[in-house]
Amino acid sequence: MPFSFPSNPTLNQQSTQNGRVYKWSGSAWELNLSVAAHKSTHSTGGSDVLSPSDIGAASSSHTHTGTDIISGTINNDRLSGNAQASMNLYLWANFR
């Protein structure tokens, strides 16, 4: 895969190319070995493995309450029977 560095970099700007991190020294893009070495310690099998919760990610099995949902849509099949009945009643009363 070809390299594609920014054309007008600022001093110490970093760019990841083909899985390696390079830093602009002011005159050239130099391989930033400390970042690459540090990153590898956090991957699977590394000496300091990170879990999803370490970076604020939710676990793969989590739940939300109705008040957590503040935008978007919910399919009817995701609603309880009582919630579906309430929604149908609301729609019937307001949009007939």
PDB file of N, CA and C in Angstrom:
ATOM      1  N   MET A   1       0.850  -1.165   0.000  1.00  0.00           N
ATOM      2  CA  MET A   1       0.000   0.000   0.000  1.00  0.00           C
ATOM      3  C   MET A   1       0.904   1.238   0.000  1.00  0.00           C
ATOM      4  N   PRO A   2       0.657   2.217  -0.867  1.00  0.00           N
ATOM      5  CA  PRO A   2       1.512   3.408  -0.925  1.00  0.00           C
ATOM      6  C   PRO A   2       1.308   4.314   0.283  1.00  0.00           C
ATOM      7  N   PHE A   3       2.346   5.071   0.590  1.00  0.00           N
ATOM      8  CA  PHE A   3       2.271   6.045   1.676  1.00  0.00           C
ATOM      9  C   PHE A   3       1.559   7.295   1.184  1.00  0.00           C
ATOM     10  N   SER A   4       0.864   7.953   2.087  1.00  0.00           N
ATOM     11  CA  SER A   4       0.149   9.181   1.741  1.00  0.00           C
ATOM     12  C   SER A   4       0.225  10.135   2.934  1.00  0.00           C
ATOM     13  N   PHE A   5       1.359  10.829   3.061  1.00  0.00           N
ATOM     14  CA  PHE A   5       1.556  11.752   4.168  1.00  0.00           C
ATOM     15  C   PHE A   5       0.890  13.090   3.875  1.00  0.00           C
ATOM     16  N   PRO A   6       0.480  13.826   4.920  1.00  0.00           N
ATOM     17  CA  PRO A   6      -0.064  15.175   4.722  1.00  0.00           C
ATOM     18  C   PRO A   6       0.967  16.055   4.021  1.00  0.00           C
ATOM     19  N   SER A   7       0.510  16.935   3.137  1.00  0.00           N
ATOM     20  CA  SER A   7       1.437  17.747   2.349  1.00  0.00           C
ATOM     21  C   SER A   7       2.030  18.925   3.110  1.00  0.00           C
ATOM     22  N   ASN A   8       1.334  19.455   4.109  1.00  0.00           N
ATOM     23  CA  ASN A   8       1.847  20.589   4.884  1.00  0.00           C
ATOM     24  C   ASN A   8       1.808  20.259   6.378  1.00  0.00           C
ATOM     25  N   PRO A   9       2.663  19.339   6.832  1.00  0.00           N
ATOM     26  CA  PRO A   9       2.599  18.912   8.243  1.00  0.00           C
ATOM     27  C   PRO A   9       3.135  19.985   9.190  1.00  0.00           C
ATOM     28  N   THR A  10       2.667  19.908  10.421  1.00  0.00           N
ATOM     29  CA  THR A  10       3.189  20.768  11.479  1.00  0.00           C
ATOM     30  C   THR A  10       4.198  19.970  12.301  1.00  0.00           C
ATOM     31  N   LEU A  11       5.055  20.652  13.011  1.00  0.00           N
ATOM     32  CA  LEU A  11       6.091  20.007  13.801  1.00  0.00           C
ATOM     33  C   LEU A  11       5.469  19.007  14.779  1.00  0.00           C
ATOM     34  N   ASN A  12       6.004  17.815  14.821  1.00  0.00           N
ATOM     35  CA  ASN A  12       5.571  16.703  15.679  1.00  0.00           C
ATOM     36  C   ASN A  12       4.213  16.114  15.305  1.00  0.00           C
ATOM     37  N   GLN A  13       3.652  16.517  14.169  1.00  0.00           N
ATOM     38  CA  GLN A  13       2.404  15.913  13.709  1.00  0.00           C
ATOM     39  C   GLN A  13       2.657  14.436  13.424  1.00  0.00           C
ATOM     40  N   GLN A  14       1.683  13.584  13.765  1.00  0.00           N
ATOM     41  CA  GLN A  14       1.821  12.156  13.531  1.00  0.00           C
ATOM     42  C   GLN A  14       0.928  11.713  12.394  1.00  0.00           C
ATOM     43  N   SER A  15       1.372  10.690  11.688  1.00  0.00           N
ATOM     44  CA  SER A  15       0.606  10.110  10.586  1.00  0.00           C
ATOM     45  C   SER A  15       0.814   8.602  10.614  1.00  0.00           C
ATOM     46  N   THR A  16      -0.279   7.847  10.551  1.00  0.00           N
ATOM     47  CA  THR A  16      -0.185   6.386  10.548  1.00  0.00           C
ATOM     48  C   THR A  16      -0.214   5.902   9.104  1.00  0.00           C
ATOM     49  N   GLN A  17       0.792   5.161   8.735  1.00  0.00           N
ATOM     50  CA  GLN A  17       0.926   4.629   7.380  1.00  0.00           C
ATOM     51  C   GLN A  17       1.224   3.140   7.466  1.00  0.00           C
ATOM     52  N   ASN A  18       0.375   2.339   6.868  1.00  0.00           N
ATOM     53  CA  ASN A  18       0.583   0.888   6.841  1.00  0.00           C
ATOM     54  C   ASN A  18       0.810   0.311   8.240  1.00  0.00           C
ATOM     55  N   GLY A  19       0.056   0.820   9.216  1.00  0.00           N
ATOM     56  CA  GLY A  19       0.130   0.295  10.568  1.00  0.00           C
ATOM     57  C   GLY A  19       1.275   0.826  11.409  1.00  0.00           C
ATOM     58  N   ARG A  20       2.063   1.765  10.873  1.00  0.00           N
ATOM     59  CA  ARG A  20       3.168   2.348  11.624  1.00  0.00           C
ATOM     60  C   ARG A  20       2.948   3.840  11.794  1.00  0.00           C
ATOM     61  N   VAL A  21       3.409   4.364  12.919  1.00  0.00           N
ATOM     62  CA  VAL A  21       3.216   5.777  13.215  1.00  0.00           C
ATOM     63  C   VAL A  21       4.498   6.543  12.882  1.00  0.00           C
ATOM     64  N   TYR A  22       4.342   7.612  12.093  1.00  0.00           N
ATOM     65  CA  TYR A  22       5.459   8.472  11.721  1.00  0.00           C
ATOM     66  C   TYR A  22       5.211   9.864  12.305  1.00  0.00           C
ATOM     67  N   LYS A  23       6.312  10.567  12.616  1.00  0.00           N
ATOM     68  CA  LYS A  23       6.211  11.905  13.182  1.00  0.00           C
ATOM     69  C   LYS A  23       7.043  12.855  12.333  1.00  0.00           C
ATOM     70  N   TRP A  24       6.469  14.056  12.047  1.00  0.00           N
ATOM     71  CA  TRP A  24       7.160  15.062  11.252  1.00  0.00           C
ATOM     72  C   TRP A  24       8.173  15.785  12.136  1.00  0.00           C
ATOM     73  N   SER A  25       9.457  15.728  11.748  1.00  0.00           N
ATOM     74  CA  SER A  25      10.540  16.318  12.542  1.00  0.00           C
ATOM     75  C   SER A  25      10.791  17.773  12.192  1.00  0.00           C
ATOM     76  N   GLY A  26      10.128  18.265  11.192  1.00  0.00           N
ATOM     77  CA  GLY A  26      10.382  19.612  10.695  1.00  0.00           C
ATOM     78  C   GLY A  26      11.047  19.560   9.333  1.00  0.00           C
ATOM     79  N   SER A  27      11.655  18.401   9.038  1.00  0.00           N
ATOM     80  CA  SER A  27      12.291  18.249   7.730  1.00  0.00           C
ATOM     81  C   SER A  27      12.021  16.888   7.091  1.00  0.00           C
ATOM     82  N   ALA A  28      11.554  15.917   7.898  1.00  0.00           N
ATOM     83  CA  ALA A  28      11.291  14.583   7.355  1.00  0.00           C
ATOM     84  C   ALA A  28      10.290  13.842   8.231  1.00  0.00           C
ATOM     85  N   TRP A  29       9.601  12.851   7.628  1.00  0.00           N
ATOM     86  CA  TRP A  29       8.733  11.950   8.387  1.00  0.00           C
ATOM     87  C   TRP A  29       9.606  10.847   8.952  1.00  0.00           C
ATOM     88  N   GLU A  30       9.640  10.713  10.273  1.00  0.00           N
ATOM     89  CA  GLU A  30      10.470   9.713  10.931  1.00  0.00           C
ATOM     90  C   GLU A  30       9.585   8.691  11.636  1.00  0.00           C
ATOM     91  N   LEU A  31       9.993   7.429  11.556  1.00  0.00           N
ATOM     92  CA  LEU A  31       9.247   6.364  12.213  1.00  0.00           C
ATOM     93  C   LEU A  31       9.292   6.600  13.716  1.00  0.00           C
ATOM     94  N   ASN A  32       8.126   6.653  14.347  1.00  0.00           N
ATOM     95  CA  ASN A  32       8.022   6.896  15.780  1.00  0.00           C
ATOM     96  C   ASN A  32       7.981   5.548  16.484  1.00  0.00           C
ATOM     97  N   LEU A  33       9.139   5.009  16.797  1.00  0.00           N
ATOM     98  CA  LEU A  33       9.238   3.666  17.373  1.00  0.00           C
ATOM     99  C   LEU A  33       8.618   3.580  18.760  1.00  0.00           C
ATOM    100  N   SER A  34       8.685   4.648  19.540  1.00  0.00           N
ATOM    101  CA  SER A  34       8.137   4.576  20.897  1.00  0.00           C
ATOM    102  C   SER A  34       6.625   4.384  20.876  1.00  0.00           C
ATOM    103  N   VAL A  35       5.928   5.028  19.939  1.00  0.00           N
ATOM    104  CA  VAL A  35       4.475   4.867  19.834  1.00  0.00           C
ATOM    105  C   VAL A  35       4.142   3.455  19.374  1.00  0.00           C
ATOM    106  N   ALA A  36       4.836   2.968  18.364  1.00  0.00           N
ATOM    107  CA  ALA A  36       4.559   1.625  17.849  1.00  0.00           C
ATOM    108  C   ALA A  36       4.824   0.577  18.924  1.00  0.00           C
ATOM    109  N   ALA A  37       5.927   0.730  19.657  1.00  0.00           N
ATOM    110  CA  ALA A  37       6.255  -0.238  20.701  1.00  0.00           C
ATOM    111  C   ALA A  37       5.247  -0.150  21.838  1.00  0.00           C
ATOM    112  N   HIS A  38       4.874   1.046  22.226  1.00  0.00           N
ATOM    113  CA  HIS A  38       3.912   1.230  23.307  1.00  0.00           C
ATOM    114  C   HIS A  38       2.557   0.640  22.932  1.00  0.00           C
ATOM    115  N   LYS A  39       2.112   0.890  21.730  1.00  0.00           N
ATOM    116  CA  LYS A  39       0.809   0.379  21.277  1.00  0.00           C
ATOM    117  C   LYS A  39       0.770  -1.146  21.366  1.00  0.00           C
ATOM    118  N   SER A  40       1.842  -1.794  20.992  1.00  0.00           N
ATOM    119  CA  SER A  40       1.834  -3.259  20.970  1.00  0.00           C
ATOM    120  C   SER A  40       1.687  -3.861  22.363  1.00  0.00           C
ATOM    121  N   THR A  41       2.061  -3.118  23.404  1.00  0.00           N
ATOM    122  CA  THR A  41       1.924  -3.665  24.756  1.00  0.00           C
ATOM    123  C   THR A  41       0.463  -3.768  25.168  1.00  0.00           C
ATOM    124  N   HIS A  42      -0.418  -3.026  24.514  1.00  0.00           N
ATOM    125  CA  HIS A  42      -1.837  -3.029  24.868  1.00  0.00           C
ATOM    126  C   HIS A  42      -2.669  -4.021  24.052  1.00  0.00           C
ATOM    127  N   SER A  43      -2.098  -4.617  23.024  1.00  0.00           N
ATOM    128  CA  SER A  43      -2.860  -5.548  22.193  1.00  0.00           C
ATOM    129  C   SER A  43      -2.934  -6.925  22.843  1.00  0.00           C
ATOM    130  N   THR A  44      -3.762  -7.788  22.303  1.00  0.00           N
ATOM    131  CA  THR A  44      -3.899  -9.145  22.831  1.00  0.00           C
ATOM    132  C   THR A  44      -2.537  -9.819  22.888  1.00  0.00           C
ATOM    133  N   GLY A  45      -2.206 -10.352  24.032  1.00  0.00           N
ATOM    134  CA  GLY A  45      -0.910 -10.998  24.212  1.00  0.00           C
ATOM    135  C   GLY A  45       0.173 -10.050  24.695  1.00  0.00           C
ATOM    136  N   GLY A  46      -0.132  -8.741  24.751  1.00  0.00           N
ATOM    137  CA  GLY A  46       0.847  -7.767  25.221  1.00  0.00           C
ATOM    138  C   GLY A  46       0.960  -7.788  26.731  1.00  0.00           C
ATOM    139  N   SER A  47       1.913  -7.013  27.247  1.00  0.00           N
ATOM    140  CA  SER A  47       2.159  -7.009  28.688  1.00  0.00           C
ATOM    141  C   SER A  47       1.159  -6.153  29.457  1.00  0.00           C
ATOM    142  N   ASP A  48       0.421  -5.282  28.767  1.00  0.00           N
ATOM    143  CA  ASP A  48      -0.530  -4.381  29.419  1.00  0.00           C
ATOM    144  C   ASP A  48      -1.801  -4.299  28.569  1.00  0.00           C
ATOM    145  N   VAL A  49      -2.481  -5.440  28.437  1.00  0.00           N
ATOM    146  CA  VAL A  49      -3.647  -5.552  27.558  1.00  0.00           C
ATOM    147  C   VAL A  49      -4.785  -4.652  28.056  1.00  0.00           C
ATOM    148  N   LEU A  50      -5.406  -3.925  27.137  1.00  0.00           N
ATOM    149  CA  LEU A  50      -6.553  -3.078  27.466  1.00  0.00           C
ATOM    150  C   LEU A  50      -7.844  -3.823  27.176  1.00  0.00           C
ATOM    151  N   SER A  51      -8.838  -3.593  28.018  1.00  0.00           N
ATOM    152  CA  SER A  51     -10.162  -4.159  27.773  1.00  0.00           C
ATOM    153  C   SER A  51     -11.047  -3.052  27.208  1.00  0.00           C
ATOM    154  N   PRO A  52     -12.162  -3.397  26.573  1.00  0.00           N
ATOM    155  CA  PRO A  52     -13.061  -2.356  26.054  1.00  0.00           C
ATOM    156  C   PRO A  52     -13.489  -1.354  27.127  1.00  0.00           C
ATOM    157  N   SER A  53     -13.694  -1.821  28.357  1.00  0.00           N
ATOM    158  CA  SER A  53     -14.124  -0.895  29.407  1.00  0.00           C
ATOM    159  C   SER A  53     -13.025   0.101  29.776  1.00  0.00           C
ATOM    160  N   ASP A  54     -11.756  -0.242  29.520  1.00  0.00           N
ATOM    161  CA  ASP A  54     -10.656   0.677  29.803  1.00  0.00           C
ATOM    162  C   ASP A  54     -10.730   1.942  28.950  1.00  0.00           C
ATOM    163  N   ILE A  55     -11.378   1.849  27.792  1.00  0.00           N
ATOM    164  CA  ILE A  55     -11.494   3.021  26.921  1.00  0.00           C
ATOM    165  C   ILE A  55     -12.924   3.564  26.884  1.00  0.00           C
ATOM    166  N   GLY A  56     -13.762   3.087  27.807  1.00  0.00           N
ATOM    167  CA  GLY A  56     -15.120   3.609  27.899  1.00  0.00           C
ATOM    168  C   GLY A  56     -16.137   2.917  27.019  1.00  0.00           C
ATOM    169  N   ALA A  57     -15.770   1.814  26.402  1.00  0.00           N
ATOM    170  CA  ALA A  57     -16.713   1.074  25.561  1.00  0.00           C
ATOM    171  C   ALA A  57     -17.657   0.254  26.422  1.00  0.00           C
ATOM    172  N   ALA A  58     -18.887   0.110  25.977  1.00  0.00           N
ATOM    173  CA  ALA A  58     -19.865  -0.700  26.699  1.00  0.00           C
ATOM    174  C   ALA A  58     -19.559  -2.171  26.491  1.00  0.00           C
ATOM    175  N   SER A  59     -19.934  -2.994  27.449  1.00  0.00           N
ATOM    176  CA  SER A  59     -19.755  -4.430  27.284  1.00  0.00           C
ATOM    177  C   SER A  59     -20.677  -4.921  26.172  1.00  0.00           C
ATOM    178  N   SER A  60     -20.359  -6.083  25.632  1.00  0.00           N
ATOM    179  CA  SER A  60     -21.147  -6.591  24.500  1.00  0.00           C
ATOM    180  C   SER A  60     -22.569  -6.940  24.901  1.00  0.00           C
ATOM    181  N   SER A  61     -22.802  -7.217  26.166  1.00  0.00           N
ATOM    182  CA  SER A  61     -24.172  -7.480  26.614  1.00  0.00           C
ATOM    183  C   SER A  61     -24.533  -6.447  27.682  1.00  0.00           C
ATOM    184  N   HIS A  62     -25.266  -5.436  27.268  1.00  0.00           N
ATOM    185  CA  HIS A  62     -25.709  -4.406  28.197  1.00  0.00           C
ATOM    186  C   HIS A  62     -27.131  -3.995  27.839  1.00  0.00           C
ATOM    187  N   THR A  63     -27.793  -3.324  28.743  1.00  0.00           N
ATOM    188  CA  THR A  63     -29.177  -2.926  28.504  1.00  0.00           C
ATOM    189  C   THR A  63     -29.335  -1.421  28.694  1.00  0.00           C
ATOM    190  N   HIS A  64     -30.429  -0.914  28.187  1.00  0.00           N
ATOM    191  CA  HIS A  64     -30.784   0.495  28.341  1.00  0.00           C
ATOM    192  C   HIS A  64     -32.209   0.573  28.867  1.00  0.00           C
ATOM    193  N   THR A  65     -32.484   1.583  29.645  1.00  0.00           N
ATOM    194  CA  THR A  65     -33.859   1.841  30.047  1.00  0.00           C
ATOM    195  C   THR A  65     -34.465   2.776  29.015  1.00  0.00           C
ATOM    196  N   GLY A  66     -35.771   2.912  29.041  1.00  0.00           N
ATOM    197  CA  GLY A  66     -36.441   3.796  28.102  1.00  0.00           C
ATOM    198  C   GLY A  66     -35.959   5.230  28.203  1.00  0.00           C
ATOM    199  N   THR A  67     -35.581   5.673  29.398  1.00  0.00           N
ATOM    200  CA  THR A  67     -35.124   7.054  29.553  1.00  0.00           C
ATOM    201  C   THR A  67     -33.718   7.276  29.001  1.00  0.00           C
ATOM    202  N   ASP A  68     -32.970   6.194  28.738  1.00  0.00           N
ATOM    203  CA  ASP A  68     -31.645   6.326  28.130  1.00  0.00           C
ATOM    204  C   ASP A  68     -31.733   6.699  26.660  1.00  0.00           C
ATOM    205  N   ILE A  69     -32.848   6.367  26.027  1.00  0.00           N
ATOM    206  CA  ILE A  69     -33.004   6.582  24.585  1.00  0.00           C
ATOM    207  C   ILE A  69     -33.589   7.971  24.363  1.00  0.00           C
ATOM    208  N   ILE A  70     -32.776   8.855  23.785  1.00  0.00           N
ATOM    209  CA  ILE A  70     -33.225  10.235  23.605  1.00  0.00           C
ATOM    210  C   ILE A  70     -33.380  10.624  22.141  1.00  0.00           C
ATOM    211  N   SER A  71     -33.018   9.732  21.225  1.00  0.00           N
ATOM    212  CA  SER A  71     -33.209  10.028  19.799  1.00  0.00           C
ATOM    213  C   SER A  71     -33.276   8.716  19.029  1.00  0.00           C
ATOM    214  N   GLY A  72     -33.680   8.812  17.779  1.00  0.00           N
ATOM    215  CA  GLY A  72     -33.757   7.631  16.930  1.00  0.00           C
ATOM    216  C   GLY A  72     -35.132   6.994  16.989  1.00  0.00           C
ATOM    217  N   THR A  73     -35.214   5.783  16.507  1.00  0.00           N
ATOM    218  CA  THR A  73     -36.481   5.060  16.480  1.00  0.00           C
ATOM    219  C   THR A  73     -36.307   3.675  17.094  1.00  0.00           C
ATOM    220  N   ILE A  74     -37.415   3.133  17.546  1.00  0.00           N
ATOM    221  CA  ILE A  74     -37.439   1.780  18.098  1.00  0.00           C
ATOM    222  C   ILE A  74     -38.504   1.007  17.337  1.00  0.00           C
ATOM    223  N   ASN A  75     -38.139  -0.148  16.833  1.00  0.00           N
ATOM    224  CA  ASN A  75     -39.109  -0.985  16.136  1.00  0.00           C
ATOM    225  C   ASN A  75     -40.145  -1.502  17.121  1.00  0.00           C
ATOM    226  N   ASN A  76     -41.396  -1.657  16.663  1.00  0.00           N
ATOM    227  CA  ASN A  76     -42.471  -2.154  17.517  1.00  0.00           C
ATOM    228  C   ASN A  76     -42.149  -3.493  18.163  1.00  0.00           C
ATOM    229  N   ASP A  77     -41.443  -4.360  17.432  1.00  0.00           N
ATOM    230  CA  ASP A  77     -41.155  -5.678  17.991  1.00  0.00           C
ATOM    231  C   ASP A  77     -40.177  -5.608  19.174  1.00  0.00           C
ATOM    232  N   ARG A  78     -39.554  -4.454  19.407  1.00  0.00           N
ATOM    233  CA  ARG A  78     -38.660  -4.274  20.551  1.00  0.00           C
ATOM    234  C   ARG A  78     -39.420  -3.782  21.785  1.00  0.00           C
ATOM    235  N   LEU A  79     -40.684  -3.393  21.600  1.00  0.00           N
ATOM    236  CA  LEU A  79     -41.485  -2.863  22.696  1.00  0.00           C
ATOM    237  C   LEU A  79     -42.275  -3.972  23.378  1.00  0.00           C
ATOM    238  N   SER A  80     -42.563  -3.782  24.647  1.00  0.00           N
ATOM    239  CA  SER A  80     -43.395  -4.743  25.366  1.00  0.00           C
ATOM    240  C   SER A  80     -44.822  -4.665  24.823  1.00  0.00           C
ATOM    241  N   GLY A  81     -45.631  -5.658  25.148  1.00  0.00           N
ATOM    242  CA  GLY A  81     -47.034  -5.659  24.711  1.00  0.00           C
ATOM    243  C   GLY A  81     -47.783  -4.442  25.219  1.00  0.00           C
ATOM    244  N   ASN A  82     -47.555  -4.048  26.463  1.00  0.00           N
ATOM    245  CA  ASN A  82     -48.217  -2.866  27.018  1.00  0.00           C
ATOM    246  C   ASN A  82     -47.773  -1.595  26.306  1.00  0.00           C
ATOM    247  N   ALA A  83     -46.492  -1.501  26.000  1.00  0.00           N
ATOM    248  CA  ALA A  83     -45.991  -0.315  25.305  1.00  0.00           C
ATOM    249  C   ALA A  83     -46.573  -0.235  23.898  1.00  0.00           C
ATOM    250  N   GLN A  84     -46.681  -1.370  23.225  1.00  0.00           N
ATOM    251  CA  GLN A  84     -47.273  -1.388  21.882  1.00  0.00           C
ATOM    252  C   GLN A  84     -48.731  -0.963  21.940  1.00  0.00           C
ATOM    253  N   ALA A  85     -49.470  -1.456  22.927  1.00  0.00           N
ATOM    254  CA  ALA A  85     -50.885  -1.095  23.066  1.00  0.00           C
ATOM    255  C   ALA A  85     -51.025   0.397  23.353  1.00  0.00           C
ATOM    256  N   SER A  86     -50.171   0.945  24.205  1.00  0.00           N
ATOM    257  CA  SER A  86     -50.223   2.374  24.504  1.00  0.00           C
ATOM    258  C   SER A  86     -49.925   3.208  23.271  1.00  0.00           C
ATOM    259  N   MET A  87     -48.930   2.779  22.495  1.00  0.00           N
ATOM    260  CA  MET A  87     -48.570   3.507  21.278  1.00  0.00           C
ATOM    261  C   MET A  87     -49.711   3.449  20.272  1.00  0.00           C
ATOM    262  N   ASN A  88     -50.313   2.288  20.111  1.00  0.00           N
ATOM    263  CA  ASN A  88     -51.435   2.170  19.176  1.00  0.00           C
ATOM    264  C   ASN A  88     -52.599   3.055  19.605  1.00  0.00           C
ATOM    265  N   LEU A  89     -52.895   3.102  20.891  1.00  0.00           N
ATOM    266  CA  LEU A  89     -53.962   3.951  21.398  1.00  0.00           C
ATOM    267  C   LEU A  89     -53.650   5.424  21.150  1.00  0.00           C
ATOM    268  N   TYR A  90     -52.409   5.820  21.396  1.00  0.00           N
ATOM    269  CA  TYR A  90     -51.993   7.207  21.154  1.00  0.00           C
ATOM    270  C   TYR A  90     -52.150   7.569  19.683  1.00  0.00           C
ATOM    271  N   LEU A  91     -51.684   6.682  18.805  1.00  0.00           N
ATOM    272  CA  LEU A  91     -51.788   6.949  17.368  1.00  0.00           C
ATOM    273  C   LEU A  91     -53.243   7.031  16.927  1.00  0.00           C
ATOM    274  N   TRP A  92     -54.060   6.124  17.444  1.00  0.00           N
ATOM    275  CA  TRP A  92     -55.461   6.111  17.059  1.00  0.00           C
ATOM    276  C   TRP A  92     -56.152   7.407  17.545  1.00  0.00           C
ATOM    277  N   ALA A  93     -55.854   7.848  18.756  1.00  0.00           N
ATOM    278  CA  ALA A  93     -56.493   9.031  19.320  1.00  0.00           C
ATOM    279  C   ALA A  93     -56.022  10.326  18.648  1.00  0.00           C
ATOM    280  N   ASN A  94     -54.807  10.361  18.168  1.00  0.00           N
ATOM    281  CA  ASN A  94     -54.250  11.623  17.669  1.00  0.00           C
ATOM    282  C   ASN A  94     -54.136  11.729  16.164  1.00  0.00           C
ATOM    283  N   PHE A  95     -54.241  10.632  15.452  1.00  0.00           N
ATOM    284  CA  PHE A  95     -54.008  10.690  14.000  1.00  0.00           C
ATOM    285  C   PHE A  95     -55.096   9.994  13.197  1.00  0.00           C
ATOM    286  N   ARG A  96     -56.322   9.969  13.690  1.00  0.00           N
ATOM    287  CA  ARG A  96     -57.395   9.327  12.938  1.00  0.00           C
ATOM    288  C   ARG A  96     -58.091  10.326  12.071  1.00  0.00           C
TER     289      ARG A  96
END
